[in-house]
Protein backbone atom coordinates (compact mmCIF):
# COMPACT_ATOMS: atom_id res chain seq x y z
CA MET A 1 -152.65 -260.86 -100.78
CA ASP A 2 -149.21 -258.42 -100.02
CA ILE A 3 -147.14 -258.28 -103.48
CA LEU A 4 -144.66 -256.57 -104.01
CA ILE A 5 -143.33 -255.22 -107.23
CA CYS A 6 -140.30 -255.32 -108.95
CA ASP A 7 -139.18 -253.26 -111.86
CA ASP A 8 -137.41 -250.27 -113.39
CA GLU A 9 -140.47 -248.80 -115.68
CA PRO A 10 -142.37 -246.43 -114.12
CA LEU A 11 -145.19 -247.21 -116.87
CA ALA A 12 -144.65 -250.88 -116.26
CA VAL A 13 -144.72 -250.03 -112.20
CA GLU A 14 -147.97 -248.02 -112.89
CA ARG A 15 -150.28 -250.48 -114.84
CA LEU A 16 -148.85 -253.69 -112.53
CA VAL A 17 -149.88 -251.06 -109.44
CA ARG A 18 -153.56 -250.72 -110.91
CA LEU A 19 -154.02 -253.66 -111.92
CA VAL A 20 -152.91 -255.49 -108.81
CA SER A 21 -155.39 -252.82 -106.98
CA ASP A 22 -157.91 -254.07 -109.42
CA LEU A 23 -158.10 -257.64 -108.67
CA GLY A 24 -158.79 -256.84 -105.66
CA HIS A 25 -154.98 -257.27 -103.47
CA GLN A 26 -152.70 -254.22 -102.01
CA VAL A 27 -149.29 -253.40 -103.24
CA VAL A 28 -147.51 -253.12 -99.95
CA ALA A 29 -144.01 -251.79 -101.83
CA THR A 30 -141.70 -250.67 -105.09
CA ALA A 31 -138.41 -251.14 -106.22
CA GLU A 32 -136.45 -250.46 -109.10
CA HIS A 33 -133.63 -253.11 -109.16
CA GLY A 34 -133.60 -256.49 -108.14
CA GLY A 35 -130.95 -255.34 -105.32
CA GLN A 36 -134.38 -253.92 -103.23
CA VAL A 37 -135.79 -256.41 -103.51
CA TYR A 38 -134.25 -258.71 -100.68
CA ASP A 39 -134.75 -256.09 -97.83
CA LEU A 40 -137.62 -255.02 -98.86
CA VAL A 41 -138.67 -258.99 -98.73
CA LEU A 42 -138.25 -259.09 -94.76
CA GLU A 43 -139.44 -255.86 -94.12
CA TYR A 44 -142.93 -255.59 -95.93
CA GLU A 45 -143.67 -260.15 -96.03
CA PRO A 46 -145.51 -259.27 -98.86
CA ASP A 47 -147.39 -263.19 -100.24
CA VAL A 48 -146.25 -262.67 -103.63
CA VAL A 49 -142.77 -260.55 -105.47
CA LEU A 50 -144.46 -259.28 -109.30
CA LEU A 51 -140.20 -259.27 -111.24
CA ASP A 52 -139.17 -258.65 -114.74
CA ILE A 53 -136.72 -259.83 -115.75
CA GLN A 54 -134.22 -257.19 -117.45
CA MET A 55 -133.70 -254.09 -115.16
CA PRO A 56 -130.69 -252.43 -113.47
CA GLU A 57 -128.06 -252.49 -110.33
CA MET A 58 -129.58 -256.72 -110.36
CA ASP A 59 -131.62 -258.07 -112.58
CA GLY A 60 -134.72 -260.55 -112.00
CA LEU A 61 -132.79 -263.86 -112.21
CA SER A 62 -130.16 -262.76 -109.68
CA CYS A 63 -132.64 -261.41 -107.02
CA ALA A 64 -135.35 -264.60 -107.33
CA ARG A 65 -131.74 -267.06 -106.33
CA GLN A 66 -130.83 -264.64 -103.36
CA LEU A 67 -134.45 -264.89 -101.90
CA ALA A 68 -134.95 -268.42 -102.70
CA HIS A 69 -132.32 -268.38 -99.42
CA LEU A 70 -135.33 -267.00 -97.36
CA GLU A 71 -136.67 -269.25 -94.44
CA ILE A 72 -140.71 -268.36 -95.96
CA LYS A 73 -139.93 -267.12 -99.67
CA PRO A 74 -142.67 -264.57 -101.09
CA ALA A 75 -144.04 -266.37 -104.36
CA ILE A 76 -142.59 -265.43 -107.58
CA ILE A 77 -144.10 -264.49 -110.61
CA PHE A 78 -141.68 -262.54 -113.48
CA CYS A 79 -143.53 -260.34 -115.90
CA THR A 80 -141.29 -259.31 -118.50
CA ALA A 81 -141.53 -258.67 -122.11
CA TYR A 82 -138.44 -261.23 -123.33
CA ASP A 83 -139.61 -265.09 -123.81
CA GLN A 84 -136.23 -266.48 -123.59
CA HIS A 85 -135.76 -266.66 -119.79
CA ALA A 86 -138.68 -268.86 -119.38
CA LEU A 87 -136.89 -272.04 -119.20
CA GLN A 88 -133.92 -270.07 -116.23
CA ALA A 89 -137.38 -268.44 -114.36
CA PHE A 90 -138.72 -272.10 -113.87
CA GLN A 91 -135.35 -273.06 -112.45
CA SER A 92 -135.39 -270.39 -109.85
CA GLN A 93 -139.07 -271.65 -108.23
CA ALA A 94 -140.23 -269.17 -109.77
CA GLN A 95 -144.43 -270.09 -109.80
CA ALA A 96 -145.33 -268.69 -113.29
CA TYR A 97 -144.00 -266.90 -115.78
CA LEU A 98 -146.21 -263.49 -117.70
CA LEU A 99 -145.38 -261.78 -120.56
CA LYS A 100 -145.84 -257.79 -121.22
CA PRO A 101 -148.12 -256.26 -121.67
CA ILE A 102 -150.15 -257.99 -119.10
CA ALA A 103 -153.38 -259.18 -119.37
CA LYS A 104 -156.10 -258.67 -116.50
CA ASN A 105 -156.80 -263.01 -116.77
CA GLU A 106 -154.12 -263.99 -117.32
CA LEU A 107 -152.34 -261.96 -113.49
CA ARG A 108 -155.67 -262.58 -111.99
CA GLU A 109 -155.72 -266.80 -112.50
CA VAL A 110 -152.66 -266.65 -111.60
CA LEU A 111 -152.30 -265.24 -108.20
CA ASP A 112 -155.61 -267.10 -107.64
CA GLN A 113 -153.29 -270.16 -108.29
CA VAL A 114 -150.74 -268.40 -105.57
CA CYS A 115 -154.18 -268.38 -103.20
CA LYS A 116 -154.80 -271.88 -103.17
CA PRO A 117 -152.86 -275.20 -102.18
CA ASN A 118 -152.20 -278.00 -103.89
CA GLN A 119 -153.44 -281.25 -102.56
CA ALA A 120 -149.92 -282.34 -101.84
CA GLN A 121 -149.87 -278.88 -99.65
CA VAL A 122 -152.84 -279.13 -97.75
CA SER A 123 -151.82 -282.88 -97.58
CA GLN A 124 -148.46 -282.25 -96.45
CA PHE A 125 -149.55 -279.64 -94.05
CA GLN A 126 -152.03 -281.77 -92.35
CA GLN A 127 -149.81 -284.01 -91.88
CA SER A 128 -147.31 -281.99 -89.69
CA SER A 129 -149.91 -280.35 -88.23
CA SER A 130 -151.18 -283.98 -86.93
CA GLN A 131 -147.68 -285.51 -86.47
CA MET A 132 -145.98 -281.80 -84.07
CA SER A 133 -149.72 -282.35 -81.44
CA GLN A 134 -148.83 -285.33 -81.17
CA LYS A 135 -145.26 -284.96 -80.22
CA GLN A 136 -144.96 -281.20 -78.39
CA ARG A 137 -141.66 -281.26 -76.86
CA GLN A 138 -141.57 -279.60 -73.27
CA HIS A 139 -137.75 -279.25 -73.74
CA ILE A 140 -135.89 -278.38 -76.25
CA THR A 141 -132.70 -279.95 -76.83
CA ALA A 142 -129.81 -277.90 -77.12
CA LYS A 143 -125.84 -278.55 -77.32
CA SER A 144 -123.90 -275.44 -76.10
CA HIS A 145 -119.89 -274.94 -73.98
CA ARG A 146 -121.89 -276.68 -70.84
CA GLY A 147 -123.25 -279.47 -72.90
CA VAL A 148 -126.24 -280.54 -73.51
CA GLU A 149 -128.71 -278.45 -71.50
CA LEU A 150 -132.86 -278.98 -71.75
CA ILE A 151 -134.72 -275.82 -71.60
CA PRO A 152 -138.49 -276.02 -70.69
CA ILE A 153 -140.91 -274.69 -73.20
CA GLU A 154 -141.77 -272.74 -70.63
CA GLN A 155 -139.56 -270.29 -69.87
CA VAL A 156 -138.79 -270.13 -73.38
CA TYR A 157 -139.56 -265.92 -74.05
CA TYR A 158 -138.38 -266.06 -77.96
CA PHE A 159 -137.21 -268.54 -80.38
CA LEU A 160 -135.20 -265.78 -83.37
CA ALA A 161 -134.20 -266.82 -86.69
CA ASP A 162 -130.73 -265.49 -87.81
CA GLN A 163 -128.90 -267.59 -90.83
CA LYS A 164 -128.85 -270.88 -90.38
CA TYR A 165 -129.28 -271.53 -86.71
CA VAL A 166 -132.24 -269.77 -84.11
CA THR A 167 -131.22 -268.50 -81.00
CA ILE A 168 -133.42 -269.50 -77.60
CA ARG A 169 -133.58 -266.50 -75.18
CA HIS A 170 -135.12 -268.21 -72.28
CA GLN A 171 -135.04 -267.69 -68.19
CA LYS A 172 -131.78 -268.87 -67.40
CA GLY A 173 -129.77 -267.56 -70.89
CA SER A 174 -129.10 -268.17 -74.57
CA VAL A 175 -128.87 -270.90 -76.69
CA LEU A 176 -128.46 -271.85 -80.55
CA ILE A 177 -129.82 -274.31 -82.35
CA ASP A 178 -130.23 -276.07 -85.65
CA GLU A 179 -134.29 -275.85 -85.89
CA THR A 180 -136.25 -273.81 -87.89
CA LEU A 181 -138.29 -271.04 -86.47
CA LYS A 182 -141.54 -272.81 -89.78
CA ASP A 183 -141.21 -276.18 -87.35
CA LEU A 184 -141.29 -274.46 -84.24
CA GLU A 185 -144.08 -271.76 -84.87
CA LEU A 186 -146.40 -275.48 -86.46
CA GLU A 187 -145.05 -277.53 -82.99
CA PHE A 188 -146.01 -274.70 -80.68
CA ALA A 189 -148.64 -272.83 -82.50
CA ASP A 190 -150.14 -272.30 -79.06
CA GLN A 191 -147.71 -271.21 -76.54
CA PHE A 192 -145.80 -268.29 -79.02
CA ILE A 193 -146.76 -266.23 -82.13
CA ARG A 194 -144.86 -264.55 -84.98
CA ILE A 195 -144.15 -261.20 -84.79
CA HIS A 196 -141.73 -260.99 -87.32
CA ARG A 197 -140.44 -263.41 -90.89
CA ASN A 198 -137.38 -264.03 -87.88
CA ALA A 199 -138.90 -264.02 -84.96
CA LEU A 200 -141.46 -265.95 -82.54
CA VAL A 201 -142.62 -264.58 -78.91
CA SER A 202 -143.60 -266.48 -75.92
CA ILE A 203 -147.43 -265.91 -75.75
CA LYS A 204 -146.74 -265.98 -71.72
CA PHE A 205 -144.86 -263.37 -72.54
CA LEU A 206 -146.40 -261.16 -73.57
CA ASP A 207 -146.74 -257.19 -71.76
CA GLY A 208 -148.06 -255.35 -74.54
CA ILE A 209 -146.88 -252.80 -77.62
CA GLU A 210 -144.47 -249.92 -77.81
CA SER A 211 -144.45 -247.98 -80.67
CA ILE A 212 -140.81 -246.68 -81.54
CA CYS A 213 -141.42 -243.91 -85.03
CA SER A 214 -144.19 -243.71 -87.96
CA GLY A 215 -145.11 -246.87 -88.79
CA GLN A 216 -143.24 -248.57 -86.89
CA TYR A 217 -144.04 -250.97 -83.37
CA GLN A 218 -141.79 -253.08 -80.97
CA VAL A 219 -143.10 -256.12 -78.78
CA ARG A 220 -142.35 -255.92 -74.54
CA LEU A 221 -141.73 -259.50 -73.12
CA ARG A 222 -142.38 -259.25 -69.10
CA ASP A 223 -139.21 -260.52 -66.97
CA ILE A 224 -136.67 -258.57 -69.30
CA ALA A 225 -135.26 -255.86 -70.90
CA GLU A 226 -134.98 -257.05 -74.77
CA ARG A 227 -137.51 -255.55 -77.73
CA LEU A 228 -137.85 -257.73 -80.93
CA VAL A 229 -139.23 -255.39 -83.59
CA ILE A 230 -142.74 -256.45 -85.36
CA SER A 231 -143.37 -256.64 -88.96
CA ARG A 232 -146.34 -255.02 -90.37
CA ARG A 233 -147.73 -258.12 -91.68
CA HIS A 234 -147.88 -259.75 -88.04
CA LEU A 235 -149.04 -256.21 -85.98
CA PRO A 236 -152.49 -256.88 -86.32
CA GLN A 237 -152.47 -260.63 -85.16
CA LEU A 238 -150.77 -259.83 -82.87
CA ARG A 239 -152.92 -257.12 -80.87
CA GLU A 240 -155.54 -259.08 -81.22
CA SER A 241 -153.38 -261.51 -79.92
CA ILE A 242 -152.76 -259.64 -76.48
CA GLN A 243 -156.91 -257.95 -76.19
CA GLN A 244 -157.71 -261.16 -76.31
CA LEU A 245 -154.95 -262.56 -72.89
């Protein structure tokens, strides 16, 4: 799994990096306080955030509440020297609460649990996938200044999430819809591919990948000039999909 570590103590960060690596996972980024975490999560899309609680600038609890607003959230594991914040930590939907010094076997157990969806999650995913496959739409209904529009899925270039809404960019323009990117990804998994936490692009219109700077790439789509940024997490899968076209 990809893991982000946030702690204001360099020695604590160094120890966690070593433990994570020893357990076969990858540290994609580190932060010194909670205020840095949100942007790093958007950039690196980690599966897990190992988060200290008492830090300058922004504490871990405030950081967890900020991350809770994301549509796709990383698992949060608090790693702290204090036990009095446990109740607040679990109220913030943290997956675990570990006391320093963190033991390798404790961290392994928690990360193993994060890796494995519980039976309820598996059942829910299977049910959702079944329902979506049975009810896959050929059009998306959207309300605009022109009234109600029916947008053929085959004409959609991409879906782009922004706050509470998703922008549909299609052959005749663009429009906002009140749906989640996660639901759209489930329903149209055979036609669209995720390239970023906030973007799905049509496999049909994929035209290539362009390098924009060191380690950063964007996707090129046929017929339109817009370019969308690709996250590091989704780059390998996108490259594989393009090779199969």
